[in-house]
Amino acid sequence: DLGVGEFCDISLTTARGLDYYTGVVF
């Protein structure tokens, strides 16, 4: 809806290393 979907791909091997992350990460 915000017009930037073309830049986003699902990648479940993306995790972000810091422990405080809880939800969506990229």
PDB file of all heavy atoms in Angstrom:
ATOM      1  N   ASP A   1       0.826  -1.209   0.000  1.00  0.00           N
ATOM      2  CA  ASP A   1       0.000   0.000   0.000  1.00  0.00           C
ATOM      3  C   ASP A   1       0.866   1.266   0.000  1.00  0.00           C
ATOM      4  O   ASP A   1       0.483   2.290  -0.572  1.00  0.00           O
ATOM      5  CB  ASP A   1      -0.923   0.018   1.228  1.00  0.00           C
ATOM      6  CG  ASP A   1      -2.018  -1.039   1.143  1.00  0.00           C
ATOM      7  OD1 ASP A   1      -2.316  -1.494   0.023  1.00  0.00           O
ATOM      8  OD2 ASP A   1      -2.562  -1.398   2.198  1.00  0.00           O
ATOM      9  N   LEU A   2       2.020   1.188   0.642  1.00  0.00           N
ATOM     10  CA  LEU A   2       2.923   2.338   0.704  1.00  0.00           C
ATOM     11  C   LEU A   2       3.812   2.460  -0.528  1.00  0.00           C
ATOM     12  O   LEU A   2       4.630   3.382  -0.622  1.00  0.00           O
ATOM     13  CB  LEU A   2       3.785   2.264   1.967  1.00  0.00           C
ATOM     14  CG  LEU A   2       3.039   2.503   3.286  1.00  0.00           C
ATOM     15  CD1 LEU A   2       3.935   2.208   4.482  1.00  0.00           C
ATOM     16  CD2 LEU A   2       2.525   3.935   3.370  1.00  0.00           C
ATOM     17  N   GLY A   3       3.656   1.527  -1.461  1.00  0.00           N
ATOM     18  CA  GLY A   3       4.334   1.652  -2.746  1.00  0.00           C
ATOM     19  C   GLY A   3       5.760   1.173  -2.808  1.00  0.00           C
ATOM     20  O   GLY A   3       6.490   1.529  -3.733  1.00  0.00           O
ATOM     21  N   VAL A   4       6.183   0.337  -1.844  1.00  0.00           N
ATOM     22  CA  VAL A   4       7.569  -0.135  -1.871  1.00  0.00           C
ATOM     23  C   VAL A   4       7.657  -1.659  -1.816  1.00  0.00           C
ATOM     24  O   VAL A   4       8.705  -2.221  -1.488  1.00  0.00           O
ATOM     25  CB  VAL A   4       8.388   0.494  -0.719  1.00  0.00           C
ATOM     26  CG1 VAL A   4       8.498   1.994  -0.900  1.00  0.00           C
ATOM     27  CG2 VAL A   4       7.791   0.157   0.639  1.00  0.00           C
ATOM     28  N   GLY A   5       6.573  -2.330  -2.169  1.00  0.00           N
ATOM     29  CA  GLY A   5       6.561  -3.784  -2.129  1.00  0.00           C
ATOM     30  C   GLY A   5       7.577  -4.418  -3.055  1.00  0.00           C
ATOM     31  O   GLY A   5       8.054  -5.535  -2.793  1.00  0.00           O
ATOM     32  N   GLU A   6       7.919  -3.743  -4.143  1.00  0.00           N
ATOM     33  CA  GLU A   6       8.863  -4.313  -5.108  1.00  0.00           C
ATOM     34  C   GLU A   6      10.247  -4.528  -4.512  1.00  0.00           C
ATOM     35  O   GLU A   6      11.050  -5.301  -5.052  1.00  0.00           O
ATOM     36  CB  GLU A   6       8.977  -3.397  -6.326  1.00  0.00           C
ATOM     37  CG  GLU A   6       9.570  -2.027  -6.020  1.00  0.00           C
ATOM     38  CD  GLU A   6       9.704  -1.147  -7.249  1.00  0.00           C
ATOM     39  OE1 GLU A   6      10.201  -1.633  -8.282  1.00  0.00           O
ATOM     40  OE2 GLU A   6       9.299   0.038  -7.168  1.00  0.00           O
ATOM     41  N   PHE A   7      10.547  -3.860  -3.397  1.00  0.00           N
ATOM     42  CA  PHE A   7      11.874  -3.975  -2.805  1.00  0.00           C
ATOM     43  C   PHE A   7      11.962  -5.087  -1.757  1.00  0.00           C
ATOM     44  O   PHE A   7      13.046  -5.346  -1.245  1.00  0.00           O
ATOM     45  CB  PHE A   7      12.274  -2.649  -2.156  1.00  0.00           C
ATOM     46  CG  PHE A   7      12.236  -1.479  -3.091  1.00  0.00           C
ATOM     47  CD1 PHE A   7      11.251  -0.510  -2.984  1.00  0.00           C
ATOM     48  CD2 PHE A   7      13.180  -1.345  -4.101  1.00  0.00           C
ATOM     49  CE1 PHE A   7      11.211   0.574  -3.839  1.00  0.00           C
ATOM     50  CE2 PHE A   7      13.146  -0.269  -4.972  1.00  0.00           C
ATOM     51  CZ  PHE A   7      12.156   0.693  -4.842  1.00  0.00           C
ATOM     52  N   CYS A   8      10.831  -5.719  -1.411  1.00  0.00           N
ATOM     53  CA  CYS A   8      10.784  -6.641  -0.276  1.00  0.00           C
ATOM     54  C   CYS A   8      10.614  -8.086  -0.723  1.00  0.00           C
ATOM     55  O   CYS A   8       9.700  -8.413  -1.481  1.00  0.00           O
ATOM     56  CB  CYS A   8       9.634  -6.256   0.665  1.00  0.00           C
ATOM     57  SG  CYS A   8       9.801  -4.606   1.375  1.00  0.00           S
ATOM     58  N   ASP A   9      11.497  -8.947  -0.230  1.00  0.00           N
ATOM     59  CA  ASP A   9      11.421 -10.386  -0.481  1.00  0.00           C
ATOM     60  C   ASP A   9      11.405 -11.129   0.850  1.00  0.00           C
ATOM     61  O   ASP A   9      12.131 -10.757   1.786  1.00  0.00           O
ATOM     62  CB  ASP A   9      12.622 -10.867  -1.304  1.00  0.00           C
ATOM     63  CG  ASP A   9      12.668 -10.264  -2.692  1.00  0.00           C
ATOM     64  OD1 ASP A   9      11.610 -10.203  -3.347  1.00  0.00           O
ATOM     65  OD2 ASP A   9      13.763  -9.843  -3.125  1.00  0.00           O
ATOM     66  N   ILE A  10      10.596 -12.185   0.932  1.00  0.00           N
ATOM     67  CA  ILE A  10      10.583 -13.015   2.132  1.00  0.00           C
ATOM     68  C   ILE A  10      11.876 -13.823   2.170  1.00  0.00           C
ATOM     69  O   ILE A  10      12.268 -14.464   1.198  1.00  0.00           O
ATOM     70  CB  ILE A  10       9.367 -13.956   2.136  1.00  0.00           C
ATOM     71  CG1 ILE A  10       8.080 -13.142   2.181  1.00  0.00           C
ATOM     72  CG2 ILE A  10       9.442 -14.914   3.321  1.00  0.00           C
ATOM     73  CD1 ILE A  10       6.831 -13.973   1.973  1.00  0.00           C
ATOM     74  N   SER A  11      12.557 -13.783   3.327  1.00  0.00           N
ATOM     75  CA  SER A  11      13.812 -14.511   3.499  1.00  0.00           C
ATOM     76  C   SER A  11      13.916 -14.940   4.955  1.00  0.00           C
ATOM     77  O   SER A  11      14.384 -14.185   5.809  1.00  0.00           O
ATOM     78  CB  SER A  11      15.012 -13.630   3.116  1.00  0.00           C
ATOM     79  OG  SER A  11      16.225 -14.258   3.466  1.00  0.00           O
ATOM     80  N   LEU A  12      13.478 -16.162   5.252  1.00  0.00           N
ATOM     81  CA  LEU A  12      13.437 -16.619   6.640  1.00  0.00           C
ATOM     82  C   LEU A  12      14.821 -16.914   7.200  1.00  0.00           C
ATOM     83  O   LEU A  12      14.961 -17.140   8.407  1.00  0.00           O
ATOM     84  CB  LEU A  12      12.540 -17.851   6.759  1.00  0.00           C
ATOM     85  CG  LEU A  12      11.074 -17.623   6.375  1.00  0.00           C
ATOM     86  CD1 LEU A  12      10.256 -18.877   6.607  1.00  0.00           C
ATOM     87  CD2 LEU A  12      10.477 -16.449   7.153  1.00  0.00           C
ATOM     88  N   THR A  13      15.852 -16.912   6.355  1.00  0.00           N
ATOM     89  CA  THR A  13      17.216 -17.053   6.864  1.00  0.00           C
ATOM     90  C   THR A  13      17.772 -15.728   7.360  1.00  0.00           C
ATOM     91  O   THR A  13      18.902 -15.654   7.836  1.00  0.00           O
ATOM     92  CB  THR A  13      18.151 -17.626   5.782  1.00  0.00           C
ATOM     93  OG1 THR A  13      18.118 -16.777   4.632  1.00  0.00           O
ATOM     94  CG2 THR A  13      17.725 -19.040   5.389  1.00  0.00           C
ATOM     95  N   THR A  14      16.980 -14.669   7.244  1.00  0.00           N
ATOM     96  CA  THR A  14      17.329 -13.383   7.835  1.00  0.00           C
ATOM     97  C   THR A  14      16.826 -13.369   9.276  1.00  0.00           C
ATOM     98  O   THR A  14      15.646 -13.593   9.519  1.00  0.00           O
ATOM     99  CB  THR A  14      16.690 -12.225   7.043  1.00  0.00           C
ATOM    100  OG1 THR A  14      17.213 -12.227   5.708  1.00  0.00           O
ATOM    101  CG2 THR A  14      16.970 -10.888   7.702  1.00  0.00           C
ATOM    102  N   ALA A  15      17.739 -13.138  10.226  1.00  0.00           N
ATOM    103  CA  ALA A  15      17.353 -13.287  11.633  1.00  0.00           C
ATOM    104  C   ALA A  15      17.654 -12.057  12.483  1.00  0.00           C
ATOM    105  O   ALA A  15      16.938 -11.786  13.438  1.00  0.00           O
ATOM    106  CB  ALA A  15      18.052 -14.506  12.243  1.00  0.00           C
ATOM    107  N   ARG A  16      18.697 -11.283  12.156  1.00  0.00           N
ATOM    108  CA  ARG A  16      19.206 -10.210  13.022  1.00  0.00           C
ATOM    109  C   ARG A  16      19.725 -10.813  14.321  1.00  0.00           C
ATOM    110  O   ARG A  16      19.026 -11.523  15.017  1.00  0.00           O
ATOM    111  CB  ARG A  16      18.139  -9.150  13.312  1.00  0.00           C
ATOM    112  CG  ARG A  16      17.525  -8.529  12.083  1.00  0.00           C
ATOM    113  CD  ARG A  16      18.512  -7.687  11.310  1.00  0.00           C
ATOM    114  NE  ARG A  16      18.832  -6.451  11.996  1.00  0.00           N
ATOM    115  CZ  ARG A  16      19.991  -5.790  11.820  1.00  0.00           C
ATOM    116  NH1 ARG A  16      20.923  -6.273  11.036  1.00  0.00           N
ATOM    117  NH2 ARG A  16      20.208  -4.648  12.440  1.00  0.00           N
ATOM    118  N   GLY A  17      20.951 -10.547  14.669  1.00  0.00           N
ATOM    119  CA  GLY A  17      21.618 -11.253  15.749  1.00  0.00           C
ATOM    120  C   GLY A  17      21.282 -10.802  17.148  1.00  0.00           C
ATOM    121  O   GLY A  17      21.454 -11.561  18.096  1.00  0.00           O
ATOM    122  N   LEU A  18      20.806  -9.571  17.316  1.00  0.00           N
ATOM    123  CA  LEU A  18      20.572  -9.072  18.673  1.00  0.00           C
ATOM    124  C   LEU A  18      19.330  -9.708  19.286  1.00  0.00           C
ATOM    125  O   LEU A  18      18.298  -9.844  18.633  1.00  0.00           O
ATOM    126  CB  LEU A  18      20.426  -7.548  18.647  1.00  0.00           C
ATOM    127  CG  LEU A  18      21.692  -6.800  18.199  1.00  0.00           C
ATOM    128  CD1 LEU A  18      21.405  -5.320  18.019  1.00  0.00           C
ATOM    129  CD2 LEU A  18      22.827  -7.011  19.197  1.00  0.00           C
ATOM    130  N   ASP A  19      19.442 -10.067  20.556  1.00  0.00           N
ATOM    131  CA  ASP A  19      18.387 -10.841  21.211  1.00  0.00           C
ATOM    132  C   ASP A  19      17.100 -10.060  21.419  1.00  0.00           C
ATOM    133  O   ASP A  19      16.040 -10.653  21.619  1.00  0.00           O
ATOM    134  CB  ASP A  19      18.882 -11.351  22.569  1.00  0.00           C
ATOM    135  CG  ASP A  19      19.933 -12.447  22.426  1.00  0.00           C
ATOM    136  OD1 ASP A  19      20.013 -13.054  21.341  1.00  0.00           O
ATOM    137  OD2 ASP A  19      20.675 -12.685  23.402  1.00  0.00           O
ATOM    138  N   TYR A  20      17.152  -8.719  21.400  1.00  0.00           N
ATOM    139  CA  TYR A  20      15.938  -7.978  21.738  1.00  0.00           C
ATOM    140  C   TYR A  20      14.930  -7.911  20.593  1.00  0.00           C
ATOM    141  O   TYR A  20      13.812  -7.439  20.778  1.00  0.00           O
ATOM    142  CB  TYR A  20      16.248  -6.577  22.265  1.00  0.00           C
ATOM    143  CG  TYR A  20      17.092  -5.678  21.394  1.00  0.00           C
ATOM    144  CD1 TYR A  20      16.639  -5.234  20.159  1.00  0.00           C
ATOM    145  CD2 TYR A  20      18.337  -5.245  21.835  1.00  0.00           C
ATOM    146  CE1 TYR A  20      17.408  -4.390  19.375  1.00  0.00           C
ATOM    147  CE2 TYR A  20      19.111  -4.392  21.065  1.00  0.00           C
ATOM    148  CZ  TYR A  20      18.643  -3.969  19.837  1.00  0.00           C
ATOM    149  OH  TYR A  20      19.400  -3.127  19.064  1.00  0.00           O
ATOM    150  N   TYR A  21      15.289  -8.356  19.382  1.00  0.00           N
ATOM    151  CA  TYR A  21      14.306  -8.365  18.291  1.00  0.00           C
ATOM    152  C   TYR A  21      13.214  -9.396  18.570  1.00  0.00           C
ATOM    153  O   TYR A  21      13.485 -10.487  19.079  1.00  0.00           O
ATOM    154  CB  TYR A  21      14.990  -8.669  16.960  1.00  0.00           C
ATOM    155  CG  TYR A  21      15.754  -7.499  16.400  1.00  0.00           C
ATOM    156  CD1 TYR A  21      17.138  -7.529  16.315  1.00  0.00           C
ATOM    157  CD2 TYR A  21      15.095  -6.355  15.975  1.00  0.00           C
ATOM    158  CE1 TYR A  21      17.844  -6.449  15.812  1.00  0.00           C
ATOM    159  CE2 TYR A  21      15.793  -5.269  15.472  1.00  0.00           C
ATOM    160  CZ  TYR A  21      17.169  -5.324  15.386  1.00  0.00           C
ATOM    161  OH  TYR A  21      17.854  -4.246  14.893  1.00  0.00           O
ATOM    162  N   THR A  22      11.962  -9.039  18.227  1.00  0.00           N
ATOM    163  CA  THR A  22      10.828  -9.894  18.591  1.00  0.00           C
ATOM    164  C   THR A  22       9.925 -10.285  17.418  1.00  0.00           C
ATOM    165  O   THR A  22       9.283 -11.324  17.468  1.00  0.00           O
ATOM    166  CB  THR A  22       9.941  -9.183  19.628  1.00  0.00           C
ATOM    167  OG1 THR A  22       9.505  -7.925  19.081  1.00  0.00           O
ATOM    168  CG2 THR A  22      10.697  -8.946  20.931  1.00  0.00           C
ATOM    169  N   GLY A  23       9.799  -9.476  16.409  1.00  0.00           N
ATOM    170  CA  GLY A  23       8.825  -9.731  15.347  1.00  0.00           C
ATOM    171  C   GLY A  23       9.446  -9.653  13.970  1.00  0.00           C
ATOM    172  O   GLY A  23      10.427 -10.334  13.668  1.00  0.00           O
ATOM    173  N   VAL A  24       8.876  -8.803  13.130  1.00  0.00           N
ATOM    174  CA  VAL A  24       9.400  -8.621  11.776  1.00  0.00           C
ATOM    175  C   VAL A  24      10.802  -8.040  11.845  1.00  0.00           C
ATOM    176  O   VAL A  24      11.062  -7.086  12.583  1.00  0.00           O
ATOM    177  CB  VAL A  24       8.468  -7.702  10.955  1.00  0.00           C
ATOM    178  CG1 VAL A  24       9.145  -7.267   9.654  1.00  0.00           C
ATOM    179  CG2 VAL A  24       7.163  -8.424  10.634  1.00  0.00           C
ATOM    180  N   VAL A  25      11.718  -8.629  11.087  1.00  0.00           N
ATOM    181  CA  VAL A  25      13.081  -8.111  10.956  1.00  0.00           C
ATOM    182  C   VAL A  25      13.421  -8.080   9.471  1.00  0.00           C
ATOM    183  O   VAL A  25      12.829  -8.811   8.670  1.00  0.00           O
ATOM    184  CB  VAL A  25      14.113  -8.971  11.711  1.00  0.00           C
ATOM    185  CG1 VAL A  25      13.927  -8.849  13.208  1.00  0.00           C
ATOM    186  CG2 VAL A  25      14.032 -10.434  11.276  1.00  0.00           C
ATOM    187  N   PHE A  26      14.371  -7.244   9.114  1.00  0.00           N
ATOM    188  CA  PHE A  26      14.780  -7.202   7.709  1.00  0.00           C
ATOM    189  C   PHE A  26      16.196  -6.692   7.588  1.00  0.00           C
ATOM    190  O   PHE A  26      16.728  -6.048   8.491  1.00  0.00           O
ATOM    191  CB  PHE A  26      13.826  -6.326   6.886  1.00  0.00           C
ATOM    192  CG  PHE A  26      13.996  -4.848   7.108  1.00  0.00           C
ATOM    193  CD1 PHE A  26      14.786  -4.082   6.272  1.00  0.00           C
ATOM    194  CD2 PHE A  26      13.352  -4.219   8.167  1.00  0.00           C
ATOM    195  CE1 PHE A  26      14.942  -2.721   6.479  1.00  0.00           C
ATOM    196  CE2 PHE A  26      13.503  -2.864   8.387  1.00  0.00           C
ATOM    197  CZ  PHE A  26      14.302  -2.106   7.531  1.00  0.00           C
TER     198      PHE A  26
END
